[in-house]
Amino acid sequence: LIDGSEGYQLTGLVPASILALFSDTQIAQNQTRVVIHDATEKYGLAQEVGEIVETIGAKVTAIKKEQKGDFDCKVLGVDKKSVEKVALFLGCEKGREDVAGNFDLEIYLGTDFPKRF
């Protein structure tokens, strides 16, 4: 890498055969609907997280801009297994609150999230 550390840098789209390794059949079969609450103040980050979540098998149906939030991230949802998987994948806290609206999962991204993403 440019800074001298070892690693890989993606130069284009990831092949579908590799993306398939990260999909979750339970999340995909349940047609899990996700809303992302973006309080990061970092342009485009919520869309990137949305692409990752869709790779797992969920469908991001909304991204809502929120006021700056001094926290990392949190995942809420009805199905505890889906919450566990998405929270583990993103490194987020799992919440116990109910989901608002007609979504299956809610992802809250705060200003601490971009620091490690």
PDB file of N, CA and C in Angstrom:
ATOM      1  N   LEU A   1       0.833  -1.187   0.000  1.00  0.00           N
ATOM      2  CA  LEU A   1       0.000   0.000   0.000  1.00  0.00           C
ATOM      3  C   LEU A   1       0.873   1.244   0.000  1.00  0.00           C
ATOM      4  N   ILE A   2       0.278   2.386  -0.255  1.00  0.00           N
ATOM      5  CA  ILE A   2       1.015   3.638  -0.366  1.00  0.00           C
ATOM      6  C   ILE A   2       1.786   3.978   0.907  1.00  0.00           C
ATOM      7  N   ASP A   3       1.182   3.696   2.073  1.00  0.00           N
ATOM      8  CA  ASP A   3       1.842   4.044   3.332  1.00  0.00           C
ATOM      9  C   ASP A   3       2.913   3.041   3.755  1.00  0.00           C
ATOM     10  N   GLY A   4       3.162   2.032   2.936  1.00  0.00           N
ATOM     11  CA  GLY A   4       4.193   1.050   3.237  1.00  0.00           C
ATOM     12  C   GLY A   4       3.702  -0.180   3.978  1.00  0.00           C
ATOM     13  N   SER A   5       2.451  -0.160   4.438  1.00  0.00           N
ATOM     14  CA  SER A   5       1.913  -1.323   5.139  1.00  0.00           C
ATOM     15  C   SER A   5       1.458  -2.372   4.125  1.00  0.00           C
ATOM     16  N   GLU A   6       1.352  -3.608   4.607  1.00  0.00           N
ATOM     17  CA  GLU A   6       0.912  -4.691   3.732  1.00  0.00           C
ATOM     18  C   GLU A   6      -0.609  -4.749   3.696  1.00  0.00           C
ATOM     19  N   GLY A   7      -1.159  -5.121   2.570  1.00  0.00           N
ATOM     20  CA  GLY A   7      -2.606  -5.248   2.448  1.00  0.00           C
ATOM     21  C   GLY A   7      -3.007  -5.299   0.993  1.00  0.00           C
ATOM     22  N   TYR A   8      -4.304  -5.270   0.775  1.00  0.00           N
ATOM     23  CA  TYR A   8      -4.857  -5.324  -0.565  1.00  0.00           C
ATOM     24  C   TYR A   8      -5.673  -4.071  -0.812  1.00  0.00           C
ATOM     25  N   GLN A   9      -5.681  -3.639  -2.040  1.00  0.00           N
ATOM     26  CA  GLN A   9      -6.502  -2.511  -2.426  1.00  0.00           C
ATOM     27  C   GLN A   9      -7.355  -2.946  -3.606  1.00  0.00           C
ATOM     28  N   LEU A  10      -8.673  -2.775  -3.468  1.00  0.00           N
ATOM     29  CA  LEU A  10      -9.583  -3.141  -4.551  1.00  0.00           C
ATOM     30  C   LEU A  10      -9.440  -2.143  -5.683  1.00  0.00           C
ATOM     31  N   THR A  11      -9.373  -2.642  -6.892  1.00  0.00           N
ATOM     32  CA  THR A  11      -9.227  -1.772  -8.050  1.00  0.00           C
ATOM     33  C   THR A  11     -10.510  -1.680  -8.864  1.00  0.00           C
ATOM     34  N   GLY A  12     -11.522  -2.376  -8.453  1.00  0.00           N
ATOM     35  CA  GLY A  12     -12.779  -2.351  -9.191  1.00  0.00           C
ATOM     36  C   GLY A  12     -13.837  -3.103  -8.416  1.00  0.00           C
ATOM     37  N   LEU A  13     -14.865  -3.504  -9.115  1.00  0.00           N
ATOM     38  CA  LEU A  13     -15.949  -4.244  -8.487  1.00  0.00           C
ATOM     39  C   LEU A  13     -15.471  -5.618  -8.034  1.00  0.00           C
ATOM     40  N   VAL A  14     -15.992  -6.051  -6.902  1.00  0.00           N
ATOM     41  CA  VAL A  14     -15.661  -7.369  -6.393  1.00  0.00           C
ATOM     42  C   VAL A  14     -16.458  -8.393  -7.194  1.00  0.00           C
ATOM     43  N   PRO A  15     -15.828  -9.476  -7.655  1.00  0.00           N
ATOM     44  CA  PRO A  15     -16.540 -10.490  -8.427  1.00  0.00           C
ATOM     45  C   PRO A  15     -17.719 -11.095  -7.655  1.00  0.00           C
ATOM     46  N   ALA A  16     -18.784 -11.398  -8.370  1.00  0.00           N
ATOM     47  CA  ALA A  16     -19.994 -11.956  -7.755  1.00  0.00           C
ATOM     48  C   ALA A  16     -19.701 -13.245  -7.009  1.00  0.00           C
ATOM     49  N   SER A  17     -18.754 -14.036  -7.485  1.00  0.00           N
ATOM     50  CA  SER A  17     -18.431 -15.302  -6.819  1.00  0.00           C
ATOM     51  C   SER A  17     -17.870 -15.070  -5.421  1.00  0.00           C
ATOM     52  N   ILE A  18     -17.171 -13.974  -5.228  1.00  0.00           N
ATOM     53  CA  ILE A  18     -16.644 -13.647  -3.895  1.00  0.00           C
ATOM     54  C   ILE A  18     -17.743 -13.040  -3.029  1.00  0.00           C
ATOM     55  N   LEU A  19     -18.556 -12.168  -3.594  1.00  0.00           N
ATOM     56  CA  LEU A  19     -19.655 -11.570  -2.836  1.00  0.00           C
ATOM     57  C   LEU A  19     -20.610 -12.633  -2.308  1.00  0.00           C
ATOM     58  N   ALA A  20     -20.812 -13.693  -3.073  1.00  0.00           N
ATOM     59  CA  ALA A  20     -21.725 -14.762  -2.667  1.00  0.00           C
ATOM     60  C   ALA A  20     -21.275 -15.430  -1.369  1.00  0.00           C
ATOM     61  N   LEU A  21     -19.987 -15.406  -1.088  1.00  0.00           N
ATOM     62  CA  LEU A  21     -19.476 -16.008   0.149  1.00  0.00           C
ATOM     63  C   LEU A  21     -19.986 -15.296   1.391  1.00  0.00           C
ATOM     64  N   PHE A  22     -20.351 -14.028   1.261  1.00  0.00           N
ATOM     65  CA  PHE A  22     -20.783 -13.232   2.402  1.00  0.00           C
ATOM     66  C   PHE A  22     -22.296 -13.181   2.562  1.00  0.00           C
ATOM     67  N   SER A  23     -23.043 -13.739   1.622  1.00  0.00           N
ATOM     68  CA  SER A  23     -24.498 -13.678   1.719  1.00  0.00           C
ATOM     69  C   SER A  23     -25.000 -14.625   2.807  1.00  0.00           C
ATOM     70  N   ASP A  24     -26.137 -14.276   3.359  1.00  0.00           N
ATOM     71  CA  ASP A  24     -26.752 -15.056   4.420  1.00  0.00           C
ATOM     72  C   ASP A  24     -28.137 -15.479   3.939  1.00  0.00           C
ATOM     73  N   THR A  25     -28.372 -16.775   3.816  1.00  0.00           N
ATOM     74  CA  THR A  25     -29.633 -17.254   3.257  1.00  0.00           C
ATOM     75  C   THR A  25     -30.836 -16.863   4.111  1.00  0.00           C
ATOM     76  N   GLN A  26     -30.698 -16.865   5.436  1.00  0.00           N
ATOM     77  CA  GLN A  26     -31.820 -16.502   6.300  1.00  0.00           C
ATOM     78  C   GLN A  26     -32.235 -15.055   6.070  1.00  0.00           C
ATOM     79  N   ILE A  27     -31.270 -14.163   6.014  1.00  0.00           N
ATOM     80  CA  ILE A  27     -31.569 -12.748   5.799  1.00  0.00           C
ATOM     81  C   ILE A  27     -32.169 -12.542   4.406  1.00  0.00           C
ATOM     82  N   ALA A  28     -31.619 -13.201   3.405  1.00  0.00           N
ATOM     83  CA  ALA A  28     -32.119 -13.058   2.033  1.00  0.00           C
ATOM     84  C   ALA A  28     -33.521 -13.639   1.886  1.00  0.00           C
ATOM     85  N   GLN A  29     -33.759 -14.822   2.445  1.00  0.00           N
ATOM     86  CA  GLN A  29     -35.069 -15.468   2.315  1.00  0.00           C
ATOM     87  C   GLN A  29     -36.156 -14.691   3.047  1.00  0.00           C
ATOM     88  N   ASN A  30     -35.795 -14.056   4.150  1.00  0.00           N
ATOM     89  CA  ASN A  30     -36.770 -13.262   4.905  1.00  0.00           C
ATOM     90  C   ASN A  30     -37.043 -11.916   4.254  1.00  0.00           C
ATOM     91  N   GLN A  31     -36.311 -11.609   3.171  1.00  0.00           N
ATOM     92  CA  GLN A  31     -36.421 -10.318   2.495  1.00  0.00           C
ATOM     93  C   GLN A  31     -36.341  -9.173   3.503  1.00  0.00           C
ATOM     94  N   THR A  32     -35.291  -9.226   4.310  1.00  0.00           N
ATOM     95  CA  THR A  32     -35.082  -8.280   5.401  1.00  0.00           C
ATOM     96  C   THR A  32     -34.964  -6.855   4.869  1.00  0.00           C
ATOM     97  N   ARG A  33     -35.844  -5.975   5.376  1.00  0.00           N
ATOM     98  CA  ARG A  33     -35.853  -4.560   4.986  1.00  0.00           C
ATOM     99  C   ARG A  33     -35.087  -3.753   6.026  1.00  0.00           C
ATOM    100  N   VAL A  34     -34.208  -2.875   5.554  1.00  0.00           N
ATOM    101  CA  VAL A  34     -33.308  -2.141   6.439  1.00  0.00           C
ATOM    102  C   VAL A  34     -33.433  -0.639   6.204  1.00  0.00           C
ATOM    103  N   VAL A  35     -33.384   0.113   7.300  1.00  0.00           N
ATOM    104  CA  VAL A  35     -33.247   1.565   7.229  1.00  0.00           C
ATOM    105  C   VAL A  35     -31.931   1.913   7.930  1.00  0.00           C
ATOM    106  N   ILE A  36     -31.175   2.819   7.313  1.00  0.00           N
ATOM    107  CA  ILE A  36     -29.919   3.281   7.901  1.00  0.00           C
ATOM    108  C   ILE A  36     -30.111   4.725   8.331  1.00  0.00           C
ATOM    109  N   HIS A  37     -29.844   4.997   9.611  1.00  0.00           N
ATOM    110  CA  HIS A  37     -29.891   6.353  10.158  1.00  0.00           C
ATOM    111  C   HIS A  37     -28.458   6.879  10.165  1.00  0.00           C
ATOM    112  N   ASP A  38     -28.195   7.858   9.323  1.00  0.00           N
ATOM    113  CA  ASP A  38     -26.843   8.357   9.123  1.00  0.00           C
ATOM    114  C   ASP A  38     -26.604   9.632   9.925  1.00  0.00           C
ATOM    115  N   ALA A  39     -25.878   9.500  11.036  1.00  0.00           N
ATOM    116  CA  ALA A  39     -25.496  10.652  11.861  1.00  0.00           C
ATOM    117  C   ALA A  39     -23.982  10.824  11.852  1.00  0.00           C
ATOM    118  N   THR A  40     -23.338  10.375  10.764  1.00  0.00           N
ATOM    119  CA  THR A  40     -21.873  10.382  10.691  1.00  0.00           C
ATOM    120  C   THR A  40     -21.295  11.702  10.218  1.00  0.00           C
ATOM    121  N   GLU A  41     -22.059  12.457   9.457  1.00  0.00           N
ATOM    122  CA  GLU A  41     -21.589  13.668   8.802  1.00  0.00           C
ATOM    123  C   GLU A  41     -20.470  13.371   7.798  1.00  0.00           C
ATOM    124  N   LYS A  42     -20.414  12.140   7.303  1.00  0.00           N
ATOM    125  CA  LYS A  42     -19.421  11.774   6.288  1.00  0.00           C
ATOM    126  C   LYS A  42     -20.164  11.370   5.021  1.00  0.00           C
ATOM    127  N   TYR A  43     -19.976  12.135   3.984  1.00  0.00           N
ATOM    128  CA  TYR A  43     -20.688  11.931   2.733  1.00  0.00           C
ATOM    129  C   TYR A  43     -20.397  10.547   2.141  1.00  0.00           C
ATOM    130  N   GLY A  44     -21.460   9.843   1.787  1.00  0.00           N
ATOM    131  CA  GLY A  44     -21.339   8.569   1.083  1.00  0.00           C
ATOM    132  C   GLY A  44     -21.127   7.346   1.957  1.00  0.00           C
ATOM    133  N   LEU A  45     -20.851   7.528   3.231  1.00  0.00           N
ATOM    134  CA  LEU A  45     -20.568   6.373   4.094  1.00  0.00           C
ATOM    135  C   LEU A  45     -21.795   5.481   4.272  1.00  0.00           C
ATOM    136  N   ALA A  46     -22.957   6.077   4.478  1.00  0.00           N
ATOM    137  CA  ALA A  46     -24.174   5.278   4.661  1.00  0.00           C
ATOM    138  C   ALA A  46     -24.476   4.453   3.416  1.00  0.00           C
ATOM    139  N   GLN A  47     -24.198   5.000   2.235  1.00  0.00           N
ATOM    140  CA  GLN A  47     -24.416   4.261   1.003  1.00  0.00           C
ATOM    141  C   GLN A  47     -23.456   3.061   0.925  1.00  0.00           C
ATOM    142  N   GLU A  48     -22.210   3.256   1.353  1.00  0.00           N
ATOM    143  CA  GLU A  48     -21.246   2.155   1.368  1.00  0.00           C
ATOM    144  C   GLU A  48     -21.697   1.055   2.327  1.00  0.00           C
ATOM    145  N   VAL A  49     -22.162   1.451   3.501  1.00  0.00           N
ATOM    146  CA  VAL A  49     -22.671   0.474   4.465  1.00  0.00           C
ATOM    147  C   VAL A  49     -23.885  -0.230   3.875  1.00  0.00           C
ATOM    148  N   GLY A  50     -24.737   0.507   3.181  1.00  0.00           N
ATOM    149  CA  GLY A  50     -25.894  -0.087   2.522  1.00  0.00           C
ATOM    150  C   GLY A  50     -25.504  -1.153   1.516  1.00  0.00           C
ATOM    151  N   GLU A  51     -24.454  -0.890   0.750  1.00  0.00           N
ATOM    152  CA  GLU A  51     -23.973  -1.881  -0.219  1.00  0.00           C
ATOM    153  C   GLU A  51     -23.484  -3.141   0.492  1.00  0.00           C
ATOM    154  N   ILE A  52     -22.814  -2.969   1.612  1.00  0.00           N
ATOM    155  CA  ILE A  52     -22.337  -4.120   2.392  1.00  0.00           C
ATOM    156  C   ILE A  52     -23.518  -4.923   2.916  1.00  0.00           C
ATOM    157  N   VAL A  53     -24.510  -4.237   3.461  1.00  0.00           N
ATOM    158  CA  VAL A  53     -25.688  -4.902   4.011  1.00  0.00           C
ATOM    159  C   VAL A  53     -26.443  -5.645   2.908  1.00  0.00           C
ATOM    160  N   GLU A  54     -26.510  -5.067   1.717  1.00  0.00           N
ATOM    161  CA  GLU A  54     -27.182  -5.741   0.605  1.00  0.00           C
ATOM    162  C   GLU A  54     -26.390  -6.960   0.143  1.00  0.00           C
ATOM    163  N   THR A  55     -25.080  -6.929   0.297  1.00  0.00           N
ATOM    164  CA  THR A  55     -24.252  -8.093  -0.022  1.00  0.00           C
ATOM    165  C   THR A  55     -24.604  -9.262   0.888  1.00  0.00           C
ATOM    166  N   ILE A  56     -24.926  -8.955   2.139  1.00  0.00           N
ATOM    167  CA  ILE A  56     -25.316  -9.999   3.093  1.00  0.00           C
ATOM    168  C   ILE A  56     -26.645 -10.624   2.679  1.00  0.00           C
ATOM    169  N   GLY A  57     -27.511  -9.847   2.014  1.00  0.00           N
ATOM    170  CA  GLY A  57     -28.787 -10.389   1.555  1.00  0.00           C
ATOM    171  C   GLY A  57     -29.991  -9.547   1.909  1.00  0.00           C
ATOM    172  N   ALA A  58     -29.793  -8.470   2.656  1.00  0.00           N
ATOM    173  CA  ALA A  58     -30.898  -7.599   3.047  1.00  0.00           C
ATOM    174  C   ALA A  58     -31.162  -6.569   1.951  1.00  0.00           C
ATOM    175  N   LYS A  59     -32.259  -5.850   2.073  1.00  0.00           N
ATOM    176  CA  LYS A  59     -32.611  -4.794   1.127  1.00  0.00           C
ATOM    177  C   LYS A  59     -32.694  -3.479   1.894  1.00  0.00           C
ATOM    178  N   VAL A  60     -31.801  -2.542   1.565  1.00  0.00           N
ATOM    179  CA  VAL A  60     -31.839  -1.219   2.187  1.00  0.00           C
ATOM    180  C   VAL A  60     -32.927  -0.424   1.482  1.00  0.00           C
ATOM    181  N   THR A  61     -33.973  -0.091   2.222  1.00  0.00           N
ATOM    182  CA  THR A  61     -35.106   0.608   1.627  1.00  0.00           C
ATOM    183  C   THR A  61     -35.096   2.096   1.930  1.00  0.00           C
ATOM    184  N   ALA A  62     -34.252   2.533   2.875  1.00  0.00           N
ATOM    185  CA  ALA A  62     -34.178   3.966   3.181  1.00  0.00           C
ATOM    186  C   ALA A  62     -32.866   4.285   3.886  1.00  0.00           C
ATOM    187  N   ILE A  63     -32.356   5.479   3.577  1.00  0.00           N
ATOM    188  CA  ILE A  63     -31.225   6.048   4.313  1.00  0.00           C
ATOM    189  C   ILE A  63     -31.686   7.425   4.771  1.00  0.00           C
ATOM    190  N   LYS A  64     -31.682   7.623   6.074  1.00  0.00           N
ATOM    191  CA  LYS A  64     -32.161   8.880   6.638  1.00  0.00           C
ATOM    192  C   LYS A  64     -31.002   9.651   7.255  1.00  0.00           C
ATOM    193  N   LYS A  65     -30.856  10.903   6.836  1.00  0.00           N
ATOM    194  CA  LYS A  65     -29.845  11.778   7.430  1.00  0.00           C
ATOM    195  C   LYS A  65     -30.337  12.231   8.796  1.00  0.00           C
ATOM    196  N   GLU A  66     -29.462  12.161   9.771  1.00  0.00           N
ATOM    197  CA  GLU A  66     -29.786  12.572  11.134  1.00  0.00           C
ATOM    198  C   GLU A  66     -28.789  13.637  11.575  1.00  0.00           C
ATOM    199  N   GLN A  67     -29.095  14.304  12.674  1.00  0.00           N
ATOM    200  CA  GLN A  67     -28.134  15.236  13.241  1.00  0.00           C
ATOM    201  C   GLN A  67     -26.947  14.470  13.796  1.00  0.00           C
ATOM    202  N   LYS A  68     -25.812  15.132  13.870  1.00  0.00           N
ATOM    203  CA  LYS A  68     -24.576  14.529  14.366  1.00  0.00           C
ATOM    204  C   LYS A  68     -24.837  13.736  15.642  1.00  0.00           C
ATOM    205  N   GLY A  69     -24.332  12.497  15.672  1.00  0.00           N
ATOM    206  CA  GLY A  69     -24.527  11.639  16.835  1.00  0.00           C
ATOM    207  C   GLY A  69     -23.196  11.178  17.396  1.00  0.00           C
ATOM    208  N   ASP A  70     -22.959  11.455  18.652  1.00  0.00           N
ATOM    209  CA  ASP A  70     -21.695  11.082  19.299  1.00  0.00           C
ATOM    210  C   ASP A  70     -21.757   9.648  19.812  1.00  0.00           C
ATOM    211  N   PHE A  71     -21.730   8.698  18.887  1.00  0.00           N
ATOM    212  CA  PHE A  71     -21.726   7.278  19.211  1.00  0.00           C
ATOM    213  C   PHE A  71     -21.121   6.537  18.032  1.00  0.00           C
ATOM    214  N   ASP A  72     -20.930   5.227  18.162  1.00  0.00           N
ATOM    215  CA  ASP A  72     -20.340   4.430  17.089  1.00  0.00           C
ATOM    216  C   ASP A  72     -21.456   3.926  16.181  1.00  0.00           C
ATOM    217  N   CYS A  73     -21.999   2.759  16.453  1.00  0.00           N
ATOM    218  CA  CYS A  73     -23.116   2.255  15.672  1.00  0.00           C
ATOM    219  C   CYS A  73     -23.922   1.261  16.490  1.00  0.00           C
ATOM    220  N   LYS A  74     -25.172   1.107  16.071  1.00  0.00           N
ATOM    221  CA  LYS A  74     -26.088   0.215  16.770  1.00  0.00           C
ATOM    222  C   LYS A  74     -27.030  -0.412  15.756  1.00  0.00           C
ATOM    223  N   VAL A  75     -27.365  -1.687  15.965  1.00  0.00           N
ATOM    224  CA  VAL A  75     -28.305  -2.394  15.095  1.00  0.00           C
ATOM    225  C   VAL A  75     -29.488  -2.836  15.937  1.00  0.00           C
ATOM    226  N   LEU A  76     -30.690  -2.514  15.476  1.00  0.00           N
ATOM    227  CA  LEU A  76     -31.930  -2.921  16.138  1.00  0.00           C
ATOM    228  C   LEU A  76     -32.732  -3.775  15.174  1.00  0.00           C
ATOM    229  N   GLY A  77     -33.545  -4.684  15.714  1.00  0.00           N
ATOM    230  CA  GLY A  77     -34.375  -5.477  14.826  1.00  0.00           C
ATOM    231  C   GLY A  77     -35.276  -6.452  15.538  1.00  0.00           C
ATOM    232  N   VAL A  78     -36.238  -6.957  14.800  1.00  0.00           N
ATOM    233  CA  VAL A  78     -37.202  -7.912  15.310  1.00  0.00           C
ATOM    234  C   VAL A  78     -36.566  -9.297  15.445  1.00  0.00           C
ATOM    235  N   ASP A  79     -35.871  -9.721  14.402  1.00  0.00           N
ATOM    236  CA  ASP A  79     -35.243 -11.043  14.390  1.00  0.00           C
ATOM    237  C   ASP A  79     -33.856 -10.946  15.019  1.00  0.00           C
ATOM    238  N   LYS A  80     -33.708 -11.511  16.197  1.00  0.00           N
ATOM    239  CA  LYS A  80     -32.458 -11.385  16.956  1.00  0.00           C
ATOM    240  C   LYS A  80     -31.261 -11.996  16.230  1.00  0.00           C
ATOM    241  N   LYS A  81     -31.477 -13.063  15.464  1.00  0.00           N
ATOM    242  CA  LYS A  81     -30.368 -13.679  14.727  1.00  0.00           C
ATOM    243  C   LYS A  81     -29.860 -12.739  13.632  1.00  0.00           C
ATOM    244  N   SER A  82     -30.773 -12.076  12.941  1.00  0.00           N
ATOM    245  CA  SER A  82     -30.363 -11.118  11.908  1.00  0.00           C
ATOM    246  C   SER A  82     -29.629  -9.935  12.524  1.00  0.00           C
ATOM    247  N   VAL A  83     -30.130  -9.453  13.661  1.00  0.00           N
ATOM    248  CA  VAL A  83     -29.459  -8.359  14.378  1.00  0.00           C
ATOM    249  C   VAL A  83     -28.046  -8.771  14.741  1.00  0.00           C
ATOM    250  N   GLU A  84     -27.924  -9.978  15.282  1.00  0.00           N
ATOM    251  CA  GLU A  84     -26.612 -10.495  15.692  1.00  0.00           C
ATOM    252  C   GLU A  84     -25.643 -10.556  14.504  1.00  0.00           C
ATOM    253  N   LYS A  85     -26.103 -11.074  13.372  1.00  0.00           N
ATOM    254  CA  LYS A  85     -25.234 -11.239  12.204  1.00  0.00           C
ATOM    255  C   LYS A  85     -24.780  -9.901  11.633  1.00  0.00           C
ATOM    256  N   VAL A  86     -25.719  -8.969  11.472  1.00  0.00           N
ATOM    257  CA  VAL A  86     -25.374  -7.668  10.892  1.00  0.00           C
ATOM    258  C   VAL A  86     -24.494  -6.877  11.859  1.00  0.00           C
ATOM    259  N   ALA A  87     -24.811  -6.922  13.141  1.00  0.00           N
ATOM    260  CA  ALA A  87     -23.997  -6.214  14.141  1.00  0.00           C
ATOM    261  C   ALA A  87     -22.579  -6.772  14.182  1.00  0.00           C
ATOM    262  N   LEU A  88     -22.455  -8.072  14.103  1.00  0.00           N
ATOM    263  CA  LEU A  88     -21.135  -8.701  14.103  1.00  0.00           C
ATOM    264  C   LEU A  88     -20.361  -8.324  12.841  1.00  0.00           C
ATOM    265  N   PHE A  89     -21.032  -8.329  11.705  1.00  0.00           N
ATOM    266  CA  PHE A  89     -20.402  -8.011  10.421  1.00  0.00           C
ATOM    267  C   PHE A  89     -19.876  -6.577  10.399  1.00  0.00           C
ATOM    268  N   LEU A  90     -20.653  -5.636  10.979  1.00  0.00           N
ATOM    269  CA  LEU A  90     -20.264  -4.225  10.969  1.00  0.00           C
ATOM    270  C   LEU A  90     -19.507  -3.811  12.228  1.00  0.00           C
ATOM    271  N   GLY A  91     -19.461  -4.691  13.226  1.00  0.00           N
ATOM    272  CA  GLY A  91     -18.804  -4.341  14.487  1.00  0.00           C
ATOM    273  C   GLY A  91     -19.619  -3.366  15.308  1.00  0.00           C
ATOM    274  N   CYS A  92     -20.937  -3.520  15.290  1.00  0.00           N
ATOM    275  CA  CYS A  92     -21.842  -2.603  15.979  1.00  0.00           C
ATOM    276  C   CYS A  92     -22.416  -3.213  17.253  1.00  0.00           C
ATOM    277  N   GLU A  93     -22.914  -2.350  18.091  1.00  0.00           N
ATOM    278  CA  GLU A  93     -23.633  -2.745  19.300  1.00  0.00           C
ATOM    279  C   GLU A  93     -25.018  -3.249  18.894  1.00  0.00           C
ATOM    280  N   LYS A  94     -25.548  -4.198  19.655  1.00  0.00           N
ATOM    281  CA  LYS A  94     -26.906  -4.702  19.413  1.00  0.00           C
ATOM    282  C   LYS A  94     -27.844  -3.992  20.371  1.00  0.00           C
ATOM    283  N   GLY A  95     -28.945  -3.476  19.856  1.00  0.00           N
ATOM    284  CA  GLY A  95     -29.915  -2.785  20.694  1.00  0.00           C
ATOM    285  C   GLY A  95     -31.123  -3.650  20.988  1.00  0.00           C
ATOM    286  N   ARG A  96     -31.806  -3.305  22.049  1.00  0.00           N
ATOM    287  CA  ARG A  96     -32.992  -4.063  22.463  1.00  0.00           C
ATOM    288  C   ARG A  96     -34.299  -3.319  22.174  1.00  0.00           C
ATOM    289  N   GLU A  97     -34.195  -2.113  21.658  1.00  0.00           N
ATOM    290  CA  GLU A  97     -35.391  -1.329  21.388  1.00  0.00           C
ATOM    291  C   GLU A  97     -36.149  -1.900  20.190  1.00  0.00           C
ATOM    292  N   ASP A  98     -37.446  -1.607  20.116  1.00  0.00           N
ATOM    293  CA  ASP A  98     -38.257  -2.048  18.987  1.00  0.00           C
ATOM    294  C   ASP A  98     -37.926  -1.233  17.745  1.00  0.00           C
ATOM    295  N   VAL A  99     -38.187  -1.819  16.602  1.00  0.00           N
ATOM    296  CA  VAL A  99     -37.949  -1.161  15.328  1.00  0.00           C
ATOM    297  C   VAL A  99     -39.166  -0.325  14.971  1.00  0.00           C
ATOM    298  N   ALA A 100     -38.922   0.906  14.498  1.00  0.00           N
ATOM    299  CA  ALA A 100     -40.018   1.797  14.106  1.00  0.00           C
ATOM    300  C   ALA A 100     -40.388   1.556  12.644  1.00  0.00           C
ATOM    301  N   GLY A 101     -41.627   1.804  12.313  1.00  0.00           N
ATOM    302  CA  GLY A 101     -42.058   1.689  10.919  1.00  0.00           C
ATOM    303  C   GLY A 101     -42.163   0.247  10.461  1.00  0.00           C
ATOM    304  N   ASN A 102     -42.054   0.069   9.156  1.00  0.00           N
ATOM    305  CA  ASN A 102     -42.207  -1.270   8.579  1.00  0.00           C
ATOM    306  C   ASN A 102     -40.855  -1.861   8.165  1.00  0.00           C
ATOM    307  N   PHE A 103     -39.846  -1.629   8.977  1.00  0.00           N
ATOM    308  CA  PHE A 103     -38.513  -2.160   8.711  1.00  0.00           C
ATOM    309  C   PHE A 103     -38.247  -3.361   9.613  1.00  0.00           C
ATOM    310  N   ASP A 104     -37.373  -4.237   9.143  1.00  0.00           N
ATOM    311  CA  ASP A 104     -36.970  -5.393   9.944  1.00  0.00           C
ATOM    312  C   ASP A 104     -35.720  -5.090  10.758  1.00  0.00           C
ATOM    313  N   LEU A 105     -34.849  -4.240  10.203  1.00  0.00           N
ATOM    314  CA  LEU A 105     -33.618  -3.844  10.893  1.00  0.00           C
ATOM    315  C   LEU A 105     -33.435  -2.339  10.773  1.00  0.00           C
ATOM    316  N   GLU A 106     -32.887  -1.749  11.831  1.00  0.00           N
ATOM    317  CA  GLU A 106     -32.484  -0.350  11.803  1.00  0.00           C
ATOM    318  C   GLU A 106     -31.013  -0.302  12.163  1.00  0.00           C
ATOM    319  N   ILE A 107     -30.242   0.434  11.375  1.00  0.00           N
ATOM    320  CA  ILE A 107     -28.821   0.616  11.639  1.00  0.00           C
ATOM    321  C   ILE A 107     -28.586   2.097  11.909  1.00  0.00           C
ATOM    322  N   TYR A 108     -28.041   2.406  13.079  1.00  0.00           N
ATOM    323  CA  TYR A 108     -27.707   3.771  13.447  1.00  0.00           C
ATOM    324  C   TYR A 108     -26.198   3.939  13.356  1.00  0.00           C
ATOM    325  N   LEU A 109     -25.747   4.899  12.545  1.00  0.00           N
ATOM    326  CA  LEU A 109     -24.324   5.172  12.382  1.00  0.00           C
ATOM    327  C   LEU A 109     -24.016   6.544  12.966  1.00  0.00           C
ATOM    328  N   GLY A 110     -23.068   6.589  13.909  1.00  0.00           N
ATOM    329  CA  GLY A 110     -22.679   7.843  14.540  1.00  0.00           C
ATOM    330  C   GLY A 110     -21.318   8.319  14.084  1.00  0.00           C
ATOM    331  N   THR A 111     -20.849   9.416  14.675  1.00  0.00           N
ATOM    332  CA  THR A 111     -19.596  10.042  14.247  1.00  0.00           C
ATOM    333  C   THR A 111     -18.361   9.213  14.586  1.00  0.00           C
ATOM    334  N   ASP A 112     -18.462   8.280  15.511  1.00  0.00           N
ATOM    335  CA  ASP A 112     -17.318   7.426  15.830  1.00  0.00           C
ATOM    336  C   ASP A 112     -17.146   6.297  14.803  1.00  0.00           C
ATOM    337  N   PHE A 113     -18.190   5.950  14.079  1.00  0.00           N
ATOM    338  CA  PHE A 113     -18.140   4.853  13.136  1.00  0.00           C
ATOM    339  C   PHE A 113     -17.107   5.063  12.013  1.00  0.00           C
ATOM    340  N   PRO A 114     -17.055   6.243  11.376  1.00  0.00           N
ATOM    341  CA  PRO A 114     -16.078   6.425  10.285  1.00  0.00           C
ATOM    342  C   PRO A 114     -14.626   6.332  10.737  1.00  0.00           C
ATOM    343  N   LYS A 115     -14.373   6.532  11.996  1.00  0.00           N
ATOM    344  CA  LYS A 115     -12.997   6.488  12.502  1.00  0.00           C
ATOM    345  C   LYS A 115     -12.398   5.093  12.402  1.00  0.00           C
ATOM    346  N   ARG A 116     -13.234   4.084  12.364  1.00  0.00           N
ATOM    347  CA  ARG A 116     -12.725   2.703  12.316  1.00  0.00           C
ATOM    348  C   ARG A 116     -13.185   1.946  11.074  1.00  0.00           C
ATOM    349  N   PHE A 117     -13.978   2.581  10.250  1.00  0.00           N
ATOM    350  CA  PHE A 117     -14.522   1.903   9.075  1.00  0.00           C
ATOM    351  C   PHE A 117     -13.599   2.059   7.889  1.00  0.00           C
TER     352      PHE A 117
END
